[in-house]
């Protein structure tokens, strides 16, 4: 069982972190901070570069913590939060990813929640530091806090109307 959790943690954690790297740099096929900023603006978010940096940094940090199995409930909360924002962006396209839907963010949210519930396994920094097992209520807290932070971010940073075009 521990090898399965290790594989899952590494795959999901590194994918989440890689997604963050793409938001803020030209590595891994990213378009740099300018590209990340433009992506958020095109999706209707305020904040420009700061929004892209916060999202990218949150994805990199939570993804690396998940991959390492360190502070797993906190890492899951971060991953759930940033992927909830992504899900809200993709929602209007429906479920399936081939239609630019929310399938992928949903899978990452569910996987992060499952890792918070199962724990990071024996081959993790949490286990090496004696932090495991986490009580099951941590998983519920991670899910609620992650979903709540993602929805709050959407509420606070997303424009409800098209931005005004400055004249001149």
C-alpha atoms as a PDB file:
ATOM      1  CA  UNK A   1       0.000   0.000   0.000  1.00  0.00           C
ATOM      2  CA  UNK A   2       2.801   2.450   0.838  1.00  0.00           C
ATOM      3  CA  UNK A   3       4.349   2.143  -2.638  1.00  0.00           C
ATOM      4  CA  UNK A   4       0.990   3.005  -4.214  1.00  0.00           C
ATOM      5  CA  UNK A   5       0.603   6.089  -2.032  1.00  0.00           C
ATOM      6  CA  UNK A   6       4.198   7.094  -2.815  1.00  0.00           C
ATOM      7  CA  UNK A   7       3.579   6.824  -6.575  1.00  0.00           C
ATOM      8  CA  UNK A   8       0.324   8.771  -6.279  1.00  0.00           C
ATOM      9  CA  UNK A   9       1.937  11.478  -4.128  1.00  0.00           C
ATOM     10  CA  UNK A  10       4.882  11.894  -6.487  1.00  0.00           C
ATOM     11  CA  UNK A  11       2.751  11.999  -9.622  1.00  0.00           C
ATOM     12  CA  UNK A  12       0.092  14.380  -8.359  1.00  0.00           C
ATOM     13  CA  UNK A  13       2.454  16.538  -6.307  1.00  0.00           C
ATOM     14  CA  UNK A  14       4.905  17.027  -9.157  1.00  0.00           C
ATOM     15  CA  UNK A  15       2.110  17.704 -11.667  1.00  0.00           C
ATOM     16  CA  UNK A  16       0.599  20.374  -9.394  1.00  0.00           C
ATOM     17  CA  UNK A  17       4.049  21.910  -8.839  1.00  0.00           C
ATOM     18  CA  UNK A  18       4.813  21.786 -12.566  1.00  0.00           C
ATOM     19  CA  UNK A  19       1.546  23.542 -13.326  1.00  0.00           C
ATOM     20  CA  UNK A  20       2.670  26.324 -10.976  1.00  0.00           C
ATOM     21  CA  UNK A  21       6.076  26.558 -12.658  1.00  0.00           C
ATOM     22  CA  UNK A  22       4.294  27.091 -15.974  1.00  0.00           C
ATOM     23  CA  UNK A  23       2.332  30.015 -14.488  1.00  0.00           C
ATOM     24  CA  UNK A  24       5.417  32.017 -13.546  1.00  0.00           C
ATOM     25  CA  UNK A  25       8.260  30.919 -15.830  1.00  0.00           C
ATOM     26  CA  UNK A  26       9.109  29.712 -19.302  1.00  0.00           C
ATOM     27  CA  UNK A  27      10.069  26.268 -17.967  1.00  0.00           C
ATOM     28  CA  UNK A  28       7.954  23.173 -18.667  1.00  0.00           C
ATOM     29  CA  UNK A  29       6.246  24.902 -21.581  1.00  0.00           C
ATOM     30  CA  UNK A  30       5.189  27.958 -19.585  1.00  0.00           C
ATOM     31  CA  UNK A  31       4.836  31.388 -21.128  1.00  0.00           C
ATOM     32  CA  UNK A  32       6.607  33.252 -18.334  1.00  0.00           C
ATOM     33  CA  UNK A  33       5.087  35.520 -15.751  1.00  0.00           C
ATOM     34  CA  UNK A  34       3.667  37.705 -18.527  1.00  0.00           C
ATOM     35  CA  UNK A  35       1.866  34.691 -19.988  1.00  0.00           C
ATOM     36  CA  UNK A  36       0.555  33.647 -16.577  1.00  0.00           C
ATOM     37  CA  UNK A  37      -0.643  37.182 -15.927  1.00  0.00           C
ATOM     38  CA  UNK A  38      -2.399  37.310 -19.289  1.00  0.00           C
ATOM     39  CA  UNK A  39      -4.030  33.934 -18.655  1.00  0.00           C
ATOM     40  CA  UNK A  40      -5.560  35.206 -15.407  1.00  0.00           C
ATOM     41  CA  UNK A  41      -6.697  38.445 -17.033  1.00  0.00           C
ATOM     42  CA  UNK A  42      -8.263  36.517 -19.919  1.00  0.00           C
ATOM     43  CA  UNK A  43     -10.098  34.379 -17.368  1.00  0.00           C
ATOM     44  CA  UNK A  44     -11.467  37.557 -15.752  1.00  0.00           C
ATOM     45  CA  UNK A  45      -9.251  37.834 -12.670  1.00  0.00           C
ATOM     46  CA  UNK A  46      -7.893  41.001 -11.079  1.00  0.00           C
ATOM     47  CA  UNK A  47      -4.402  41.337  -9.711  1.00  0.00           C
ATOM     48  CA  UNK A  48      -2.216  40.817 -12.738  1.00  0.00           C
ATOM     49  CA  UNK A  49       1.261  39.539 -11.967  1.00  0.00           C
ATOM     50  CA  UNK A  50       0.545  39.270  -8.241  1.00  0.00           C
ATOM     51  CA  UNK A  51      -2.334  36.881  -8.917  1.00  0.00           C
ATOM     52  CA  UNK A  52      -0.169  34.755 -11.218  1.00  0.00           C
ATOM     53  CA  UNK A  53       2.666  34.710  -8.656  1.00  0.00           C
ATOM     54  CA  UNK A  54       0.333  33.752  -5.810  1.00  0.00           C
ATOM     55  CA  UNK A  55      -1.296  30.971  -7.844  1.00  0.00           C
ATOM     56  CA  UNK A  56       2.006  29.685  -9.198  1.00  0.00           C
ATOM     57  CA  UNK A  57       3.683  29.850  -5.803  1.00  0.00           C
ATOM     58  CA  UNK A  58       0.743  28.086  -4.173  1.00  0.00           C
ATOM     59  CA  UNK A  59       0.850  25.325  -6.754  1.00  0.00           C
ATOM     60  CA  UNK A  60       4.614  24.896  -6.517  1.00  0.00           C
ATOM     61  CA  UNK A  61       4.628  24.871  -2.714  1.00  0.00           C
ATOM     62  CA  UNK A  62       1.636  22.606  -2.195  1.00  0.00           C
ATOM     63  CA  UNK A  63       2.741  20.276  -4.986  1.00  0.00           C
ATOM     64  CA  UNK A  64       6.266  19.858  -3.624  1.00  0.00           C
ATOM     65  CA  UNK A  65       4.952  19.319  -0.090  1.00  0.00           C
ATOM     66  CA  UNK A  66       2.536  16.663  -1.389  1.00  0.00           C
ATOM     67  CA  UNK A  67       5.293  14.939  -3.371  1.00  0.00           C
ATOM     68  CA  UNK A  68       7.557  14.877  -0.305  1.00  0.00           C
ATOM     69  CA  UNK A  69       4.748  13.818   2.010  1.00  0.00           C
ATOM     70  CA  UNK A  70       5.477  16.739   4.308  1.00  0.00           C
ATOM     71  CA  UNK A  71       2.702  18.490   6.236  1.00  0.00           C
ATOM     72  CA  UNK A  72       0.300  16.503   4.088  1.00  0.00           C
ATOM     73  CA  UNK A  73      -2.994  18.053   5.287  1.00  0.00           C
ATOM     74  CA  UNK A  74      -1.610  21.562   4.682  1.00  0.00           C
ATOM     75  CA  UNK A  75      -0.244  20.537   1.278  1.00  0.00           C
ATOM     76  CA  UNK A  76      -3.609  19.022   0.361  1.00  0.00           C
ATOM     77  CA  UNK A  77      -5.393  22.202   1.452  1.00  0.00           C
ATOM     78  CA  UNK A  78      -3.201  24.300  -0.852  1.00  0.00           C
ATOM     79  CA  UNK A  79      -3.619  21.965  -3.820  1.00  0.00           C
ATOM     80  CA  UNK A  80      -7.380  21.773  -3.289  1.00  0.00           C
ATOM     81  CA  UNK A  81      -7.561  25.578  -3.076  1.00  0.00           C
ATOM     82  CA  UNK A  82      -5.713  26.354  -6.300  1.00  0.00           C
ATOM     83  CA  UNK A  83      -7.443  23.558  -8.187  1.00  0.00           C
ATOM     84  CA  UNK A  84     -10.831  24.786  -6.973  1.00  0.00           C
ATOM     85  CA  UNK A  85     -10.088  28.133  -8.623  1.00  0.00           C
ATOM     86  CA  UNK A  86      -9.140  26.275 -11.816  1.00  0.00           C
ATOM     87  CA  UNK A  87     -12.358  24.262 -11.605  1.00  0.00           C
ATOM     88  CA  UNK A  88     -14.427  27.456 -11.386  1.00  0.00           C
ATOM     89  CA  UNK A  89     -12.735  28.759 -14.536  1.00  0.00           C
ATOM     90  CA  UNK A  90     -13.408  25.540 -16.448  1.00  0.00           C
ATOM     91  CA  UNK A  91     -16.936  24.994 -15.060  1.00  0.00           C
ATOM     92  CA  UNK A  92     -18.764  26.657 -17.953  1.00  0.00           C
ATOM     93  CA  UNK A  93     -17.220  24.175 -20.395  1.00  0.00           C
ATOM     94  CA  UNK A  94     -18.674  21.120 -18.666  1.00  0.00           C
ATOM     95  CA  UNK A  95     -16.896  18.125 -17.178  1.00  0.00           C
ATOM     96  CA  UNK A  96     -14.745  16.707 -19.951  1.00  0.00           C
ATOM     97  CA  UNK A  97     -11.220  17.970 -20.535  1.00  0.00           C
ATOM     98  CA  UNK A  98     -11.423  17.640 -24.332  1.00  0.00           C
ATOM     99  CA  UNK A  99     -13.940  20.502 -24.171  1.00  0.00           C
ATOM    100  CA  UNK A 100     -11.659  22.481 -21.797  1.00  0.00           C
ATOM    101  CA  UNK A 101     -13.786  21.215 -18.918  1.00  0.00           C
ATOM    102  CA  UNK A 102     -13.058  20.794 -15.227  1.00  0.00           C
ATOM    103  CA  UNK A 103     -12.264  17.058 -15.241  1.00  0.00           C
ATOM    104  CA  UNK A 104      -8.529  17.516 -14.518  1.00  0.00           C
ATOM    105  CA  UNK A 105      -8.875  20.000 -11.626  1.00  0.00           C
ATOM    106  CA  UNK A 106     -11.587  17.763 -10.137  1.00  0.00           C
ATOM    107  CA  UNK A 107      -9.297  14.712 -10.245  1.00  0.00           C
ATOM    108  CA  UNK A 108      -6.508  16.697  -8.556  1.00  0.00           C
ATOM    109  CA  UNK A 109      -8.903  17.968  -5.866  1.00  0.00           C
ATOM    110  CA  UNK A 110     -10.163  14.442  -5.158  1.00  0.00           C
ATOM    111  CA  UNK A 111      -6.643  13.016  -5.117  1.00  0.00           C
ATOM    112  CA  UNK A 112      -5.371  15.667  -2.709  1.00  0.00           C
ATOM    113  CA  UNK A 113      -8.372  15.026  -0.446  1.00  0.00           C
ATOM    114  CA  UNK A 114      -7.736  11.275  -0.596  1.00  0.00           C
ATOM    115  CA  UNK A 115      -4.072  11.785   0.324  1.00  0.00           C
ATOM    116  CA  UNK A 116      -5.152  13.914   3.282  1.00  0.00           C
ATOM    117  CA  UNK A 117      -7.491  11.091   4.340  1.00  0.00           C
ATOM    118  CA  UNK A 118      -5.057   8.189   3.874  1.00  0.00           C
ATOM    119  CA  UNK A 119      -1.968  10.047   4.983  1.00  0.00           C
ATOM    120  CA  UNK A 120       1.300  10.199   3.060  1.00  0.00           C
ATOM    121  CA  UNK A 121       2.377   6.611   3.746  1.00  0.00           C
ATOM    122  CA  UNK A 122       5.485   5.188   5.372  1.00  0.00           C
ATOM    123  CA  UNK A 123       7.841   6.576   2.729  1.00  0.00           C
ATOM    124  CA  UNK A 124       7.279  10.234   3.477  1.00  0.00           C
ATOM    125  CA  UNK A 125       8.863  13.056   5.394  1.00  0.00           C
ATOM    126  CA  UNK A 126       5.814  13.164   7.675  1.00  0.00           C
ATOM    127  CA  UNK A 127       6.486   9.547   8.693  1.00  0.00           C
ATOM    128  CA  UNK A 128      10.235  10.160   9.057  1.00  0.00           C
ATOM    129  CA  UNK A 129       9.529  13.120  11.353  1.00  0.00           C
ATOM    130  CA  UNK A 130       6.945  11.198  13.376  1.00  0.00           C
ATOM    131  CA  UNK A 131       4.051  13.428  12.308  1.00  0.00           C
ATOM    132  CA  UNK A 132       1.801  10.575  11.195  1.00  0.00           C
ATOM    133  CA  UNK A 133      -0.793   9.301  11.479  1.00  0.00           C
ATOM    134  CA  UNK A 134      -2.913  12.403  11.137  1.00  0.00           C
ATOM    135  CA  UNK A 135      -6.416  12.181  12.610  1.00  0.00           C
ATOM    136  CA  UNK A 136      -9.125  11.767   9.970  1.00  0.00           C
ATOM    137  CA  UNK A 137     -10.667  15.123  10.864  1.00  0.00           C
ATOM    138  CA  UNK A 138      -7.589  16.744   9.266  1.00  0.00           C
ATOM    139  CA  UNK A 139      -8.785  15.433   5.896  1.00  0.00           C
ATOM    140  CA  UNK A 140     -12.207  17.017   6.379  1.00  0.00           C
ATOM    141  CA  UNK A 141     -10.571  20.265   7.445  1.00  0.00           C
ATOM    142  CA  UNK A 142      -8.242  20.194   4.408  1.00  0.00           C
ATOM    143  CA  UNK A 143     -11.176  19.657   2.052  1.00  0.00           C
ATOM    144  CA  UNK A 144     -13.366  22.367   3.592  1.00  0.00           C
ATOM    145  CA  UNK A 145     -10.521  24.900   3.905  1.00  0.00           C
ATOM    146  CA  UNK A 146      -9.241  24.161   0.390  1.00  0.00           C
ATOM    147  CA  UNK A 147     -12.656  24.428  -1.250  1.00  0.00           C
ATOM    148  CA  UNK A 148     -13.492  27.508   0.825  1.00  0.00           C
ATOM    149  CA  UNK A 149     -10.246  29.300   0.014  1.00  0.00           C
ATOM    150  CA  UNK A 150     -10.608  28.545  -3.689  1.00  0.00           C
ATOM    151  CA  UNK A 151     -14.195  29.779  -3.804  1.00  0.00           C
ATOM    152  CA  UNK A 152     -13.300  32.872  -1.760  1.00  0.00           C
ATOM    153  CA  UNK A 153     -10.414  33.621  -4.125  1.00  0.00           C
ATOM    154  CA  UNK A 154     -12.805  33.364  -7.062  1.00  0.00           C
ATOM    155  CA  UNK A 155     -15.321  35.647  -5.326  1.00  0.00           C
ATOM    156  CA  UNK A 156     -12.760  38.304  -4.378  1.00  0.00           C
ATOM    157  CA  UNK A 157     -10.542  38.352  -7.470  1.00  0.00           C
ATOM    158  CA  UNK A 158     -12.887  37.573 -10.329  1.00  0.00           C
ATOM    159  CA  UNK A 159     -14.503  40.446 -12.176  1.00  0.00           C
ATOM    160  CA  UNK A 160     -18.248  40.134 -12.502  1.00  0.00           C
ATOM    161  CA  UNK A 161     -18.379  42.396 -15.540  1.00  0.00           C
ATOM    162  CA  UNK A 162     -16.030  43.010 -18.417  1.00  0.00           C
ATOM    163  CA  UNK A 163     -13.203  45.366 -17.436  1.00  0.00           C
ATOM    164  CA  UNK A 164     -13.564  48.931 -18.628  1.00  0.00           C
ATOM    165  CA  UNK A 165     -11.303  49.779 -21.548  1.00  0.00           C
ATOM    166  CA  UNK A 166      -9.230  52.837 -20.835  1.00  0.00           C
ATOM    167  CA  UNK A 167      -9.432  55.548 -23.438  1.00  0.00           C
ATOM    168  CA  UNK A 168      -6.241  57.010 -24.910  1.00  0.00           C
END
